[in-house]
Amino acid sequence: MKKIIALLLGMLLIVTPLAGCGKGQSKLLNFTTPKSGDKVAVISTSMGDIKVMLFPSVAPKAVENFVTHSDKGYYDNMIFHRVISGFMIQTGDPQGTGYGGESIWGTPFKNEISENARNFRGALAMANSGTTSSNGSQFYIVQAGTAGLSDSTLSRAAAQSGMAMSDEAKAKYKQVGGAPWLDGGYTVFGQVVSGMDVVDKIAAVKTDSNDKPVEDVKLIKITVSTVK
């Protein structure tokens, strides 16, 4: 009997540390909780506030660009010029046409791509003109849900992007939704932590044939702060 008890105790000593190893340690930045020192931004719109956590560890230039523009009031009183329900909402163009805007450096900058910052529902990402070095001031928030995100769809998206997709990422896409076909082509530099109901409301407005809201939806101001 003593030998059996000793054996069981030995098994517990081996199994317990392994069971706890990596528990809750997701590599996906989209699903981390803001902690002391992290940067967050409140995007105030005419339909409510959207709070996002920023990812300077994987997209330093995109975050610097966004924060500097925000602090200087560059984004104040812009409109959401492109809104597609079930896909995304886009703003950041002072012209309001989708063809304007520039970076804080006056020239476009390159994509910053990470396997740990993806286009899940609620992702904040730089819009570009379809090339890897065309980021300026425009950005979008993914509003897409889980519709159509099967294993085969996710595998095709991973193959097209050239980025590996972990089992965790696939499971998260199927759980929360998003636009995996954008991975690899656009810089994800943040994630909505509250206010997705506002994103959904903006996505639901009536739009014209160019996906522009019939009645202006405004980005009033962006306020960036550091978590204490």
Protein backbone atom coordinates (compact mmCIF):
# COMPACT_ATOMS: atom_id res chain seq x y z
CA MET A 1 0.00 0.00 0.00
CA LYS A 2 2.84 2.40 0.87
CA LYS A 3 4.45 1.68 -2.50
CA ILE A 4 1.19 2.55 -4.30
CA ILE A 5 0.82 5.83 -2.39
CA ALA A 6 4.45 6.75 -3.11
CA LEU A 7 3.93 5.96 -6.79
CA LEU A 8 0.82 8.13 -6.94
CA LEU A 9 2.60 11.01 -5.25
CA GLY A 10 5.45 10.70 -7.70
CA MET A 11 3.01 10.85 -10.62
CA LEU A 12 1.41 13.99 -9.17
CA LEU A 13 4.79 15.67 -8.84
CA ILE A 14 5.47 14.97 -12.52
CA VAL A 15 2.01 15.78 -13.90
CA THR A 16 1.14 18.91 -11.91
CA PRO A 17 3.89 21.18 -13.26
CA LEU A 18 3.19 20.06 -16.83
CA ALA A 19 -0.53 20.72 -16.48
CA GLY A 20 0.14 24.27 -15.40
CA CYS A 21 2.85 24.95 -17.97
CA GLY A 22 1.76 27.72 -20.33
CA LYS A 23 -1.74 27.85 -18.91
CA GLY A 24 -3.35 31.11 -20.02
CA GLN A 25 -0.15 32.16 -21.81
CA SER A 26 -1.62 32.96 -25.22
CA LYS A 27 0.86 34.23 -27.78
CA LEU A 28 -1.92 36.14 -29.53
CA LEU A 29 -1.64 39.80 -28.55
CA ASN A 30 -5.25 40.43 -29.61
CA PHE A 31 -6.47 38.62 -26.52
CA THR A 32 -4.19 40.05 -23.85
CA THR A 33 -5.53 42.33 -21.13
CA PRO A 34 -4.04 45.84 -20.85
CA LYS A 35 -1.60 46.04 -17.95
CA SER A 36 0.51 48.74 -16.33
CA GLY A 37 2.68 50.45 -18.94
CA ASP A 38 0.54 49.47 -21.94
CA LYS A 39 -0.80 52.14 -24.27
CA VAL A 40 -4.53 52.40 -24.88
CA ALA A 41 -6.48 54.79 -27.08
CA VAL A 42 -10.07 55.96 -26.90
CA ILE A 43 -11.48 56.61 -30.37
CA SER A 44 -14.39 58.99 -29.78
CA THR A 45 -16.94 58.90 -32.59
CA SER A 46 -20.32 60.47 -33.25
CA MET A 47 -21.84 57.07 -32.37
CA GLY A 48 -19.88 56.37 -29.17
CA ASP A 49 -16.41 55.50 -27.87
CA ILE A 50 -14.16 52.63 -28.96
CA LYS A 51 -11.27 51.72 -26.66
CA VAL A 52 -8.27 49.93 -28.15
CA MET A 53 -5.05 48.47 -26.79
CA LEU A 54 -1.96 49.18 -28.91
CA PHE A 55 0.84 46.74 -29.85
CA PRO A 56 4.15 48.66 -30.04
CA SER A 57 6.13 45.45 -29.45
CA VAL A 58 5.26 44.13 -32.92
CA ALA A 59 4.27 47.31 -34.78
CA PRO A 60 6.39 50.16 -33.37
CA LYS A 61 6.21 52.43 -36.43
CA ALA A 62 2.46 52.00 -36.86
CA VAL A 63 1.87 52.75 -33.18
CA GLU A 64 4.20 55.77 -33.22
CA ASN A 65 2.44 57.07 -36.32
CA PHE A 66 -1.03 56.56 -34.83
CA VAL A 67 -0.16 58.03 -31.42
CA THR A 68 1.63 61.09 -32.84
CA HIS A 69 -1.19 61.83 -35.29
CA SER A 70 -3.71 61.39 -32.46
CA ASP A 71 -1.83 63.65 -30.02
CA LYS A 72 -1.49 66.38 -32.64
CA GLY A 73 -5.19 66.28 -33.52
CA TYR A 74 -4.61 65.01 -37.06
CA TYR A 75 -7.60 62.66 -36.84
CA ASP A 76 -9.97 65.18 -35.26
CA ASN A 77 -13.35 65.48 -37.01
CA MET A 78 -12.58 63.06 -39.82
CA ILE A 79 -15.28 60.80 -41.22
CA PHE A 80 -15.51 57.04 -41.62
CA HIS A 81 -15.23 57.06 -45.40
CA ARG A 82 -15.57 53.31 -45.99
CA VAL A 83 -17.94 51.04 -44.09
CA ILE A 84 -18.79 47.45 -45.06
CA SER A 85 -21.10 45.53 -42.75
CA GLY A 86 -19.70 42.11 -41.93
CA PHE A 87 -16.19 43.22 -42.85
CA MET A 88 -14.70 46.46 -41.44
CA ILE A 89 -14.98 50.22 -40.82
CA GLN A 90 -12.27 52.56 -42.13
CA THR A 91 -11.17 56.15 -41.42
CA GLY A 92 -8.01 58.27 -41.12
CA ASP A 93 -8.21 60.14 -44.44
CA PRO A 94 -8.41 63.95 -44.09
CA GLN A 95 -9.91 64.14 -47.58
CA GLY A 96 -12.62 61.63 -46.73
CA THR A 97 -12.22 59.92 -50.10
CA GLY A 98 -9.97 56.97 -49.29
CA TYR A 99 -7.12 58.45 -51.36
CA GLY A 100 -5.65 60.94 -48.89
CA GLY A 101 -3.57 61.06 -45.74
CA GLU A 102 0.09 60.65 -44.96
CA SER A 103 2.33 59.31 -42.23
CA ILE A 104 4.02 61.50 -39.63
CA TRP A 105 7.23 61.16 -41.69
CA GLY A 106 5.60 62.52 -44.84
CA THR A 107 6.28 59.30 -46.75
CA PRO A 108 4.66 55.84 -46.62
CA PHE A 109 6.16 53.20 -44.35
CA LYS A 110 6.47 49.43 -44.55
CA ASN A 111 4.16 46.79 -43.12
CA GLU A 112 4.99 45.31 -39.74
CA ILE A 113 3.62 41.77 -39.77
CA SER A 114 3.44 39.38 -36.83
CA GLU A 115 1.90 35.93 -36.49
CA ASN A 116 0.79 37.02 -33.00
CA ALA A 117 -1.22 40.08 -34.13
CA ARG A 118 -3.94 39.04 -36.57
CA ASN A 119 -7.11 40.33 -38.19
CA PHE A 120 -9.50 38.93 -35.60
CA ARG A 121 -12.81 40.69 -35.02
CA GLY A 122 -11.93 43.97 -33.29
CA ALA A 123 -8.39 44.20 -34.69
CA LEU A 124 -7.05 47.71 -35.38
CA ALA A 125 -4.89 47.77 -38.51
CA MET A 126 -3.28 50.08 -41.05
CA ALA A 127 -5.05 50.41 -44.38
CA ASN A 128 -2.79 50.49 -47.43
CA SER A 129 -3.05 50.62 -51.20
CA GLY A 130 -2.26 46.95 -51.64
CA THR A 131 1.52 47.09 -51.43
CA THR A 132 3.75 46.36 -48.44
CA SER A 133 5.19 49.88 -48.25
CA SER A 134 2.13 52.11 -48.61
CA ASN A 135 1.02 52.82 -45.04
CA GLY A 136 0.07 56.42 -44.35
CA SER A 137 -2.61 57.56 -41.90
CA GLN A 138 -5.67 55.46 -42.74
CA PHE A 139 -6.71 52.60 -40.50
CA TYR A 140 -9.55 50.12 -40.12
CA ILE A 141 -11.23 48.05 -37.43
CA VAL A 142 -12.31 44.52 -38.34
CA GLN A 143 -16.05 43.95 -37.81
CA ALA A 144 -16.35 40.55 -39.50
CA GLY A 145 -17.88 37.68 -37.55
CA THR A 146 -17.45 33.93 -37.81
CA ALA A 147 -19.51 33.34 -40.96
CA GLY A 148 -17.66 31.16 -43.45
CA LEU A 149 -14.63 30.56 -41.26
CA SER A 150 -14.27 26.82 -41.73
CA ASP A 151 -11.05 24.85 -41.35
CA SER A 152 -10.60 24.82 -45.13
CA THR A 153 -11.16 28.59 -45.39
CA LEU A 154 -8.60 29.24 -42.65
CA SER A 155 -6.08 26.89 -44.27
CA ARG A 156 -6.49 28.67 -47.62
CA ALA A 157 -6.08 32.07 -45.93
CA ALA A 158 -2.88 30.88 -44.26
CA ALA A 159 -1.51 29.54 -47.54
CA GLN A 160 -2.32 32.77 -49.40
CA SER A 161 -0.76 34.97 -46.72
CA GLY A 162 2.39 32.88 -46.46
CA MET A 163 2.02 33.03 -42.68
CA ALA A 164 1.78 29.97 -40.50
CA MET A 165 -1.47 29.75 -38.56
CA SER A 166 -1.33 27.99 -35.22
CA ASP A 167 -4.11 25.77 -33.92
CA GLU A 168 -4.81 28.46 -31.33
CA ALA A 169 -5.24 31.12 -34.03
CA LYS A 170 -7.58 28.87 -36.04
CA ALA A 171 -9.66 28.15 -32.95
CA LYS A 172 -9.85 31.87 -32.10
CA TYR A 173 -10.95 32.79 -35.61
CA LYS A 174 -13.75 30.24 -35.40
CA GLN A 175 -14.67 31.45 -31.92
CA VAL A 176 -14.63 35.25 -32.33
CA GLY A 177 -14.54 35.86 -36.08
CA GLY A 178 -12.42 38.14 -38.22
CA ALA A 179 -10.86 38.51 -41.67
CA PRO A 180 -7.99 36.00 -41.89
CA TRP A 181 -7.50 36.66 -45.60
CA LEU A 182 -6.03 40.05 -44.61
CA ASP A 183 -3.26 38.48 -42.51
CA GLY A 184 0.19 39.06 -43.96
CA GLY A 185 -0.88 42.03 -46.04
CA TYR A 186 -1.82 44.60 -43.40
CA THR A 187 -0.23 45.77 -40.16
CA VAL A 188 -2.32 44.88 -37.12
CA PHE A 189 -1.26 47.27 -34.35
CA GLY A 190 -4.06 47.05 -31.80
CA GLN A 191 -7.29 45.45 -30.62
CA VAL A 192 -10.62 46.75 -29.39
CA VAL A 193 -11.00 46.07 -25.66
CA SER A 194 -14.39 47.78 -25.30
CA GLY A 195 -16.85 49.42 -27.65
CA MET A 196 -17.39 46.67 -30.24
CA ASP A 197 -21.09 47.55 -29.99
CA VAL A 198 -20.14 50.97 -31.40
CA VAL A 199 -18.14 49.32 -34.21
CA ASP A 200 -21.22 47.22 -35.02
CA LYS A 201 -23.46 50.29 -35.02
CA ILE A 202 -21.16 52.12 -37.41
CA ALA A 203 -20.96 49.05 -39.67
CA ALA A 204 -24.76 48.92 -39.82
CA VAL A 205 -25.32 52.45 -41.19
CA LYS A 206 -26.71 52.97 -44.68
CA THR A 207 -24.01 53.40 -47.32
CA ASP A 208 -23.84 54.39 -51.00
CA SER A 209 -22.42 52.42 -53.92
CA ASN A 210 -18.88 53.35 -52.82
CA ASP A 211 -19.41 51.98 -49.28
CA LYS A 212 -19.45 55.53 -47.88
CA PRO A 213 -22.05 56.28 -45.19
CA VAL A 214 -24.96 58.30 -46.59
CA GLU A 215 -24.91 60.36 -43.40
CA ASP A 216 -21.48 61.21 -42.01
CA VAL A 217 -20.17 59.16 -39.11
CA LYS A 218 -17.43 61.22 -37.50
CA LEU A 219 -14.23 60.38 -35.70
CA ILE A 220 -14.30 63.23 -33.19
CA LYS A 221 -10.99 62.69 -31.42
CA ILE A 222 -8.48 60.03 -30.37
CA THR A 223 -7.05 60.20 -26.85
CA VAL A 224 -4.03 58.02 -26.06
CA SER A 225 -2.93 57.20 -22.51
CA THR A 226 -0.67 54.79 -20.63
CA VAL A 227 -2.20 52.29 -18.20
CA LYS A 228 -1.13 53.10 -14.64
